[in-house]
């Protein structure tokens, strides 16, 4: 199965494809892969962590697909002359669920809250008839007890899932995936952050025009200033510094 093309930004190989092409590819991969495949959705926050934190950056090299989740990254890719598109985590989730119906893809939801999983399942059922959710698990907040990761891997294996949607937040979800890569059952694993809450309607999503103009961070900051102020101040500043000091 031919892989998706890539474009390097600051040495990070980002997927070059439109949403429909990428979703179709990953849905088909989910039912054919014989090993775990890791998919990251990288916005500026993830990018700067990869560049600034050596252990995180080294672990992210384990990912098979790094999707451009933020418009600033898409703009840098286009400056290099490629036809780049934003592969936004919540949109990718919808696309793979839709495309996966033709392949009988089975889904597992890891993370979020019981309420978010329930509401998401209720809303997705009529939109994607025939799609099967074969399991879900909402791990405890904070530090996990010993053996938790092994137990999660057993749950996923027993479910027979082809796609595992990991909504533990950044950087925890990516760290969990690359740390446990050797024991993950064969499937495609997507790090999708707040996608469960968005689709469940528990968190307001920025309007399309805001997202397409690269201002989603500002919308989310206005909605959750106390939680997100430090993140955006630090990582957006680092991104601007990298753009000014590194050759694009």
C-alpha atoms as a PDB file:
ATOM      1  CA  UNK A   1       0.000   0.000   0.000  1.00  0.00           C
ATOM      2  CA  UNK A   2       1.592   3.277  -1.139  1.00  0.00           C
ATOM      3  CA  UNK A   3       2.161   5.801   1.629  1.00  0.00           C
ATOM      4  CA  UNK A   4       1.096   9.444   1.601  1.00  0.00           C
ATOM      5  CA  UNK A   5       3.651  12.058   0.428  1.00  0.00           C
ATOM      6  CA  UNK A   6       5.463  14.258   2.961  1.00  0.00           C
ATOM      7  CA  UNK A   7       6.959  17.747   3.173  1.00  0.00           C
ATOM      8  CA  UNK A   8       9.606  18.611   5.751  1.00  0.00           C
ATOM      9  CA  UNK A   9       9.083  21.639   8.001  1.00  0.00           C
ATOM     10  CA  UNK A  10      11.921  22.219  10.475  1.00  0.00           C
ATOM     11  CA  UNK A  11      12.932  18.603   9.798  1.00  0.00           C
ATOM     12  CA  UNK A  12       9.464  17.229  10.626  1.00  0.00           C
ATOM     13  CA  UNK A  13       7.835  15.191   7.807  1.00  0.00           C
ATOM     14  CA  UNK A  14       4.257  16.454   7.455  1.00  0.00           C
ATOM     15  CA  UNK A  15       1.662  14.644   5.332  1.00  0.00           C
ATOM     16  CA  UNK A  16       0.770  16.333   2.043  1.00  0.00           C
ATOM     17  CA  UNK A  17      -2.794  15.341   1.103  1.00  0.00           C
ATOM     18  CA  UNK A  18      -6.317  16.668   1.196  1.00  0.00           C
ATOM     19  CA  UNK A  19      -8.674  15.444   3.900  1.00  0.00           C
ATOM     20  CA  UNK A  20     -10.604  13.035   1.666  1.00  0.00           C
ATOM     21  CA  UNK A  21      -7.425  11.374   0.350  1.00  0.00           C
ATOM     22  CA  UNK A  22      -5.813  11.083   3.769  1.00  0.00           C
ATOM     23  CA  UNK A  23      -9.002   9.772   5.383  1.00  0.00           C
ATOM     24  CA  UNK A  24      -9.520   7.144   2.690  1.00  0.00           C
ATOM     25  CA  UNK A  25      -5.892   6.021   2.953  1.00  0.00           C
ATOM     26  CA  UNK A  26      -5.969   5.688   6.739  1.00  0.00           C
ATOM     27  CA  UNK A  27      -9.345   3.931   6.784  1.00  0.00           C
ATOM     28  CA  UNK A  28      -8.042   1.330   4.337  1.00  0.00           C
ATOM     29  CA  UNK A  29      -4.769   1.029   6.256  1.00  0.00           C
ATOM     30  CA  UNK A  30      -6.733   0.326   9.433  1.00  0.00           C
ATOM     31  CA  UNK A  31      -8.102  -2.972   8.108  1.00  0.00           C
ATOM     32  CA  UNK A  32      -4.894  -4.109   6.383  1.00  0.00           C
ATOM     33  CA  UNK A  33      -2.081  -3.241   8.794  1.00  0.00           C
ATOM     34  CA  UNK A  34      -0.388  -6.017  10.717  1.00  0.00           C
ATOM     35  CA  UNK A  35       1.265  -3.624  13.179  1.00  0.00           C
ATOM     36  CA  UNK A  36       0.319  -0.464  15.087  1.00  0.00           C
ATOM     37  CA  UNK A  37       0.361   2.728  13.008  1.00  0.00           C
ATOM     38  CA  UNK A  38       0.618   6.046  14.871  1.00  0.00           C
ATOM     39  CA  UNK A  39      -0.997   9.254  13.581  1.00  0.00           C
ATOM     40  CA  UNK A  40      -0.298  12.649  15.167  1.00  0.00           C
ATOM     41  CA  UNK A  41      -2.201  15.844  14.495  1.00  0.00           C
ATOM     42  CA  UNK A  42       0.390  18.557  14.916  1.00  0.00           C
ATOM     43  CA  UNK A  43      -0.512  22.177  15.513  1.00  0.00           C
ATOM     44  CA  UNK A  44       2.046  24.822  16.542  1.00  0.00           C
ATOM     45  CA  UNK A  45       1.958  23.500  20.118  1.00  0.00           C
ATOM     46  CA  UNK A  46       3.018  19.991  19.062  1.00  0.00           C
ATOM     47  CA  UNK A  47       5.588  21.308  16.575  1.00  0.00           C
ATOM     48  CA  UNK A  48       7.376  23.477  19.123  1.00  0.00           C
ATOM     49  CA  UNK A  49       7.379  20.657  21.664  1.00  0.00           C
ATOM     50  CA  UNK A  50       9.047  18.409  19.098  1.00  0.00           C
ATOM     51  CA  UNK A  51      11.741  21.026  18.498  1.00  0.00           C
ATOM     52  CA  UNK A  52      12.208  22.213  22.080  1.00  0.00           C
ATOM     53  CA  UNK A  53      11.897  19.008  24.116  1.00  0.00           C
ATOM     54  CA  UNK A  54      14.456  16.374  22.999  1.00  0.00           C
ATOM     55  CA  UNK A  55      12.754  13.351  24.608  1.00  0.00           C
ATOM     56  CA  UNK A  56       9.360  14.269  23.128  1.00  0.00           C
ATOM     57  CA  UNK A  57      10.888  15.024  19.722  1.00  0.00           C
ATOM     58  CA  UNK A  58      12.755  11.713  19.684  1.00  0.00           C
ATOM     59  CA  UNK A  59       9.605   9.817  20.625  1.00  0.00           C
ATOM     60  CA  UNK A  60       7.620  11.535  17.876  1.00  0.00           C
ATOM     61  CA  UNK A  61       9.982  10.001  15.308  1.00  0.00           C
ATOM     62  CA  UNK A  62       8.075   6.761  15.986  1.00  0.00           C
ATOM     63  CA  UNK A  63       4.937   8.225  14.408  1.00  0.00           C
ATOM     64  CA  UNK A  64       4.137   6.967  10.921  1.00  0.00           C
ATOM     65  CA  UNK A  65       2.004   9.986   9.961  1.00  0.00           C
ATOM     66  CA  UNK A  66       2.253  13.558  11.244  1.00  0.00           C
ATOM     67  CA  UNK A  67      -0.669  15.606   9.926  1.00  0.00           C
ATOM     68  CA  UNK A  68      -0.596  19.427   9.678  1.00  0.00           C
ATOM     69  CA  UNK A  69      -3.304  20.367  12.147  1.00  0.00           C
ATOM     70  CA  UNK A  70      -2.607  24.122  12.279  1.00  0.00           C
ATOM     71  CA  UNK A  71      -2.893  26.695   9.494  1.00  0.00           C
ATOM     72  CA  UNK A  72       0.532  28.274  10.220  1.00  0.00           C
ATOM     73  CA  UNK A  73       2.124  24.901   9.403  1.00  0.00           C
ATOM     74  CA  UNK A  74       0.045  24.623   6.228  1.00  0.00           C
ATOM     75  CA  UNK A  75       1.184  28.112   5.172  1.00  0.00           C
ATOM     76  CA  UNK A  76       4.843  27.154   5.665  1.00  0.00           C
ATOM     77  CA  UNK A  77       4.306  24.021   3.563  1.00  0.00           C
ATOM     78  CA  UNK A  78       2.690  26.050   0.791  1.00  0.00           C
ATOM     79  CA  UNK A  79       5.655  28.427   0.816  1.00  0.00           C
ATOM     80  CA  UNK A  80       7.694  25.397  -0.173  1.00  0.00           C
ATOM     81  CA  UNK A  81       5.492  24.938  -3.220  1.00  0.00           C
ATOM     82  CA  UNK A  82       3.374  21.957  -2.156  1.00  0.00           C
ATOM     83  CA  UNK A  83      -0.412  21.708  -2.277  1.00  0.00           C
ATOM     84  CA  UNK A  84      -0.835  21.401   1.490  1.00  0.00           C
ATOM     85  CA  UNK A  85      -4.148  21.107   3.314  1.00  0.00           C
ATOM     86  CA  UNK A  86      -5.073  21.288   6.973  1.00  0.00           C
ATOM     87  CA  UNK A  87      -5.742  17.824   8.394  1.00  0.00           C
ATOM     88  CA  UNK A  88      -7.644  18.874  11.495  1.00  0.00           C
ATOM     89  CA  UNK A  89      -8.105  16.124  14.093  1.00  0.00           C
ATOM     90  CA  UNK A  90     -11.907  16.424  14.556  1.00  0.00           C
ATOM     91  CA  UNK A  91     -12.401  16.584  10.754  1.00  0.00           C
ATOM     92  CA  UNK A  92     -10.141  13.565  10.257  1.00  0.00           C
ATOM     93  CA  UNK A  93     -12.233  11.648  12.770  1.00  0.00           C
ATOM     94  CA  UNK A  94     -15.421  12.310  10.804  1.00  0.00           C
ATOM     95  CA  UNK A  95     -13.779  11.482   7.474  1.00  0.00           C
ATOM     96  CA  UNK A  96     -12.283   8.185   8.627  1.00  0.00           C
ATOM     97  CA  UNK A  97     -15.572   7.141  10.223  1.00  0.00           C
ATOM     98  CA  UNK A  98     -17.333   7.854   6.940  1.00  0.00           C
ATOM     99  CA  UNK A  99     -14.738   6.237   4.652  1.00  0.00           C
ATOM    100  CA  UNK A 100     -14.291   3.313   7.019  1.00  0.00           C
ATOM    101  CA  UNK A 101     -17.865   2.133   6.532  1.00  0.00           C
ATOM    102  CA  UNK A 102     -16.853   0.616   3.180  1.00  0.00           C
ATOM    103  CA  UNK A 103     -14.128  -1.437   4.890  1.00  0.00           C
ATOM    104  CA  UNK A 104     -16.008  -2.411   8.057  1.00  0.00           C
ATOM    105  CA  UNK A 105     -13.676  -0.419  10.300  1.00  0.00           C
ATOM    106  CA  UNK A 106     -14.257  -0.937  14.024  1.00  0.00           C
ATOM    107  CA  UNK A 107     -13.560   1.934  16.419  1.00  0.00           C
ATOM    108  CA  UNK A 108     -12.290   2.228  19.982  1.00  0.00           C
ATOM    109  CA  UNK A 109     -12.508   5.450  22.020  1.00  0.00           C
ATOM    110  CA  UNK A 110      -9.753   6.041  24.573  1.00  0.00           C
ATOM    111  CA  UNK A 111      -9.919   9.109  26.811  1.00  0.00           C
ATOM    112  CA  UNK A 112     -12.372  11.909  27.424  1.00  0.00           C
ATOM    113  CA  UNK A 113     -15.219  11.517  29.888  1.00  0.00           C
ATOM    114  CA  UNK A 114     -18.104   9.051  30.055  1.00  0.00           C
ATOM    115  CA  UNK A 115     -20.451  11.909  29.162  1.00  0.00           C
ATOM    116  CA  UNK A 116     -18.389  12.915  26.117  1.00  0.00           C
ATOM    117  CA  UNK A 117     -18.203   9.334  24.845  1.00  0.00           C
ATOM    118  CA  UNK A 118     -21.949   8.845  25.326  1.00  0.00           C
ATOM    119  CA  UNK A 119     -22.907  12.068  23.532  1.00  0.00           C
ATOM    120  CA  UNK A 120     -20.401  11.482  20.723  1.00  0.00           C
ATOM    121  CA  UNK A 121     -21.738   7.959  20.173  1.00  0.00           C
ATOM    122  CA  UNK A 122     -25.331   9.235  20.092  1.00  0.00           C
ATOM    123  CA  UNK A 123     -24.505  11.943  17.551  1.00  0.00           C
ATOM    124  CA  UNK A 124     -22.329   9.768  15.306  1.00  0.00           C
ATOM    125  CA  UNK A 125     -24.778   6.829  15.132  1.00  0.00           C
ATOM    126  CA  UNK A 126     -27.292   8.481  12.727  1.00  0.00           C
ATOM    127  CA  UNK A 127     -24.553  10.258  10.765  1.00  0.00           C
ATOM    128  CA  UNK A 128     -22.511   7.114  10.097  1.00  0.00           C
ATOM    129  CA  UNK A 129     -24.980   4.220  10.018  1.00  0.00           C
ATOM    130  CA  UNK A 130     -23.411   0.810  10.340  1.00  0.00           C
ATOM    131  CA  UNK A 131     -20.256   2.046  12.056  1.00  0.00           C
ATOM    132  CA  UNK A 132     -19.354  -0.064  15.078  1.00  0.00           C
ATOM    133  CA  UNK A 133     -17.836   1.223  18.326  1.00  0.00           C
ATOM    134  CA  UNK A 134     -16.364  -1.928  19.839  1.00  0.00           C
ATOM    135  CA  UNK A 135     -15.190  -0.391  23.088  1.00  0.00           C
ATOM    136  CA  UNK A 136     -14.264   2.675  25.070  1.00  0.00           C
ATOM    137  CA  UNK A 137     -12.315   3.470  28.189  1.00  0.00           C
ATOM    138  CA  UNK A 138     -11.899   6.707  30.131  1.00  0.00           C
ATOM    139  CA  UNK A 139      -8.659   6.429  32.151  1.00  0.00           C
ATOM    140  CA  UNK A 140      -8.323   8.147  35.524  1.00  0.00           C
ATOM    141  CA  UNK A 141      -7.103  11.721  35.674  1.00  0.00           C
ATOM    142  CA  UNK A 142      -3.540  12.421  36.770  1.00  0.00           C
ATOM    143  CA  UNK A 143      -0.919   9.734  37.146  1.00  0.00           C
ATOM    144  CA  UNK A 144      -2.096   6.252  36.219  1.00  0.00           C
ATOM    145  CA  UNK A 145      -1.722   3.279  38.560  1.00  0.00           C
ATOM    146  CA  UNK A 146       0.874   0.643  37.786  1.00  0.00           C
ATOM    147  CA  UNK A 147      -0.213  -1.721  35.010  1.00  0.00           C
ATOM    148  CA  UNK A 148      -2.797   0.696  33.553  1.00  0.00           C
ATOM    149  CA  UNK A 149      -1.192   0.886  30.094  1.00  0.00           C
ATOM    150  CA  UNK A 150      -0.920  -2.890  29.871  1.00  0.00           C
ATOM    151  CA  UNK A 151      -4.592  -3.234  30.822  1.00  0.00           C
ATOM    152  CA  UNK A 152      -5.591  -0.676  28.149  1.00  0.00           C
ATOM    153  CA  UNK A 153      -3.650  -2.591  25.501  1.00  0.00           C
ATOM    154  CA  UNK A 154      -5.454  -5.795  26.512  1.00  0.00           C
ATOM    155  CA  UNK A 155      -8.830  -4.046  26.250  1.00  0.00           C
ATOM    156  CA  UNK A 156      -8.013  -2.804  22.751  1.00  0.00           C
ATOM    157  CA  UNK A 157      -6.759  -6.215  21.619  1.00  0.00           C
ATOM    158  CA  UNK A 158      -9.855  -7.970  22.957  1.00  0.00           C
ATOM    159  CA  UNK A 159     -12.146  -5.456  21.218  1.00  0.00           C
ATOM    160  CA  UNK A 160     -10.780  -6.199  17.750  1.00  0.00           C
ATOM    161  CA  UNK A 161     -10.656  -2.465  16.942  1.00  0.00           C
ATOM    162  CA  UNK A 162      -9.056  -1.220  13.722  1.00  0.00           C
ATOM    163  CA  UNK A 163      -9.020   2.490  14.671  1.00  0.00           C
ATOM    164  CA  UNK A 164      -8.198   3.739  18.155  1.00  0.00           C
ATOM    165  CA  UNK A 165      -9.022   7.372  18.890  1.00  0.00           C
ATOM    166  CA  UNK A 166      -6.812   8.654  21.701  1.00  0.00           C
ATOM    167  CA  UNK A 167      -8.119  11.801  23.408  1.00  0.00           C
ATOM    168  CA  UNK A 168      -5.798  12.226  26.377  1.00  0.00           C
ATOM    169  CA  UNK A 169      -4.596  15.719  25.485  1.00  0.00           C
ATOM    170  CA  UNK A 170      -1.162  16.870  24.357  1.00  0.00           C
ATOM    171  CA  UNK A 171       1.518  15.805  25.193  1.00  0.00           C
ATOM    172  CA  UNK A 172       0.113  12.873  27.204  1.00  0.00           C
ATOM    173  CA  UNK A 173      -1.589  11.145  24.259  1.00  0.00           C
ATOM    174  CA  UNK A 174       1.492  11.202  22.020  1.00  0.00           C
ATOM    175  CA  UNK A 175       3.762  10.119  24.872  1.00  0.00           C
ATOM    176  CA  UNK A 176       1.465   7.219  25.680  1.00  0.00           C
ATOM    177  CA  UNK A 177       1.441   6.059  22.059  1.00  0.00           C
ATOM    178  CA  UNK A 178       5.183   6.191  21.401  1.00  0.00           C
ATOM    179  CA  UNK A 179       6.094   4.825  24.846  1.00  0.00           C
ATOM    180  CA  UNK A 180       3.803   1.805  24.404  1.00  0.00           C
ATOM    181  CA  UNK A 181       4.343   1.266  20.677  1.00  0.00           C
ATOM    182  CA  UNK A 182       5.893  -2.178  21.109  1.00  0.00           C
ATOM    183  CA  UNK A 183       2.892  -3.546  23.012  1.00  0.00           C
ATOM    184  CA  UNK A 184       0.071  -1.835  21.088  1.00  0.00           C
ATOM    185  CA  UNK A 185      -2.188  -4.244  19.161  1.00  0.00           C
ATOM    186  CA  UNK A 186      -2.313  -3.808  15.343  1.00  0.00           C
ATOM    187  CA  UNK A 187      -4.557  -0.827  14.513  1.00  0.00           C
ATOM    188  CA  UNK A 188      -4.283   2.826  13.478  1.00  0.00           C
ATOM    189  CA  UNK A 189      -3.944   5.104  16.509  1.00  0.00           C
ATOM    190  CA  UNK A 190      -4.994   8.754  16.190  1.00  0.00           C
ATOM    191  CA  UNK A 191      -4.095  11.448  18.725  1.00  0.00           C
ATOM    192  CA  UNK A 192      -7.106  13.773  18.552  1.00  0.00           C
ATOM    193  CA  UNK A 193      -6.986  15.910  21.717  1.00  0.00           C
ATOM    194  CA  UNK A 194     -10.298  17.661  22.350  1.00  0.00           C
ATOM    195  CA  UNK A 195     -12.134  16.039  19.421  1.00  0.00           C
ATOM    196  CA  UNK A 196     -14.447  14.016  21.690  1.00  0.00           C
ATOM    197  CA  UNK A 197     -15.604  17.144  23.500  1.00  0.00           C
ATOM    198  CA  UNK A 198     -16.069  19.052  20.241  1.00  0.00           C
ATOM    199  CA  UNK A 199     -18.167  16.323  18.630  1.00  0.00           C
ATOM    200  CA  UNK A 200     -20.114  15.745  21.837  1.00  0.00           C
ATOM    201  CA  UNK A 201     -21.005  19.440  21.939  1.00  0.00           C
ATOM    202  CA  UNK A 202     -19.409  19.930  25.358  1.00  0.00           C
ATOM    203  CA  UNK A 203     -16.835  22.445  24.082  1.00  0.00           C
ATOM    204  CA  UNK A 204     -17.558  25.155  21.524  1.00  0.00           C
ATOM    205  CA  UNK A 205     -15.681  24.793  18.261  1.00  0.00           C
ATOM    206  CA  UNK A 206     -14.386  27.851  16.408  1.00  0.00           C
ATOM    207  CA  UNK A 207     -16.366  28.883  13.298  1.00  0.00           C
ATOM    208  CA  UNK A 208     -14.951  27.659   9.990  1.00  0.00           C
ATOM    209  CA  UNK A 209     -13.792  31.119   8.885  1.00  0.00           C
ATOM    210  CA  UNK A 210     -11.853  31.514  12.134  1.00  0.00           C
ATOM    211  CA  UNK A 211     -10.170  28.134  11.652  1.00  0.00           C
ATOM    212  CA  UNK A 212      -9.314  28.784   7.996  1.00  0.00           C
ATOM    213  CA  UNK A 213      -7.608  32.080   8.905  1.00  0.00           C
ATOM    214  CA  UNK A 214      -5.385  30.473  11.531  1.00  0.00           C
ATOM    215  CA  UNK A 215      -7.154  32.138  14.462  1.00  0.00           C
ATOM    216  CA  UNK A 216      -8.588  29.110  16.236  1.00  0.00           C
ATOM    217  CA  UNK A 217      -5.997  29.533  19.009  1.00  0.00           C
ATOM    218  CA  UNK A 218      -7.404  33.005  19.739  1.00  0.00           C
ATOM    219  CA  UNK A 219     -10.983  31.704  19.825  1.00  0.00           C
ATOM    220  CA  UNK A 220     -10.035  28.906  22.216  1.00  0.00           C
ATOM    221  CA  UNK A 221      -8.011  31.291  24.360  1.00  0.00           C
ATOM    222  CA  UNK A 222     -11.087  33.508  24.734  1.00  0.00           C
ATOM    223  CA  UNK A 223     -13.155  30.466  25.733  1.00  0.00           C
ATOM    224  CA  UNK A 224     -10.611  29.008  28.180  1.00  0.00           C
ATOM    225  CA  UNK A 225      -8.162  31.806  29.119  1.00  0.00           C
ATOM    226  CA  UNK A 226      -6.926  30.389  32.418  1.00  0.00           C
ATOM    227  CA  UNK A 227      -6.106  26.958  30.986  1.00  0.00           C
ATOM    228  CA  UNK A 228      -4.657  28.028  27.634  1.00  0.00           C
ATOM    229  CA  UNK A 229      -2.967  31.399  28.237  1.00  0.00           C
ATOM    230  CA  UNK A 230       0.425  29.984  29.201  1.00  0.00           C
ATOM    231  CA  UNK A 231       0.368  27.368  26.440  1.00  0.00           C
ATOM    232  CA  UNK A 232      -0.264  29.871  23.666  1.00  0.00           C
ATOM    233  CA  UNK A 233       2.079  32.504  25.080  1.00  0.00           C
ATOM    234  CA  UNK A 234       4.975  30.054  25.282  1.00  0.00           C
ATOM    235  CA  UNK A 235       4.461  27.945  22.174  1.00  0.00           C
ATOM    236  CA  UNK A 236       3.286  30.666  19.784  1.00  0.00           C
ATOM    237  CA  UNK A 237       6.298  32.757  20.806  1.00  0.00           C
ATOM    238  CA  UNK A 238       8.627  29.828  20.216  1.00  0.00           C
ATOM    239  CA  UNK A 239       7.062  29.214  16.807  1.00  0.00           C
ATOM    240  CA  UNK A 240       7.662  32.821  15.763  1.00  0.00           C
ATOM    241  CA  UNK A 241      11.251  32.537  16.986  1.00  0.00           C
ATOM    242  CA  UNK A 242      11.832  29.379  14.941  1.00  0.00           C
ATOM    243  CA  UNK A 243      10.379  31.047  11.851  1.00  0.00           C
ATOM    244  CA  UNK A 244      12.704  34.020  12.280  1.00  0.00           C
ATOM    245  CA  UNK A 245      15.877  32.097  13.072  1.00  0.00           C
ATOM    246  CA  UNK A 246      15.595  28.900  11.023  1.00  0.00           C
ATOM    247  CA  UNK A 247      15.671  28.687   7.257  1.00  0.00           C
ATOM    248  CA  UNK A 248      12.269  27.726   5.835  1.00  0.00           C
END
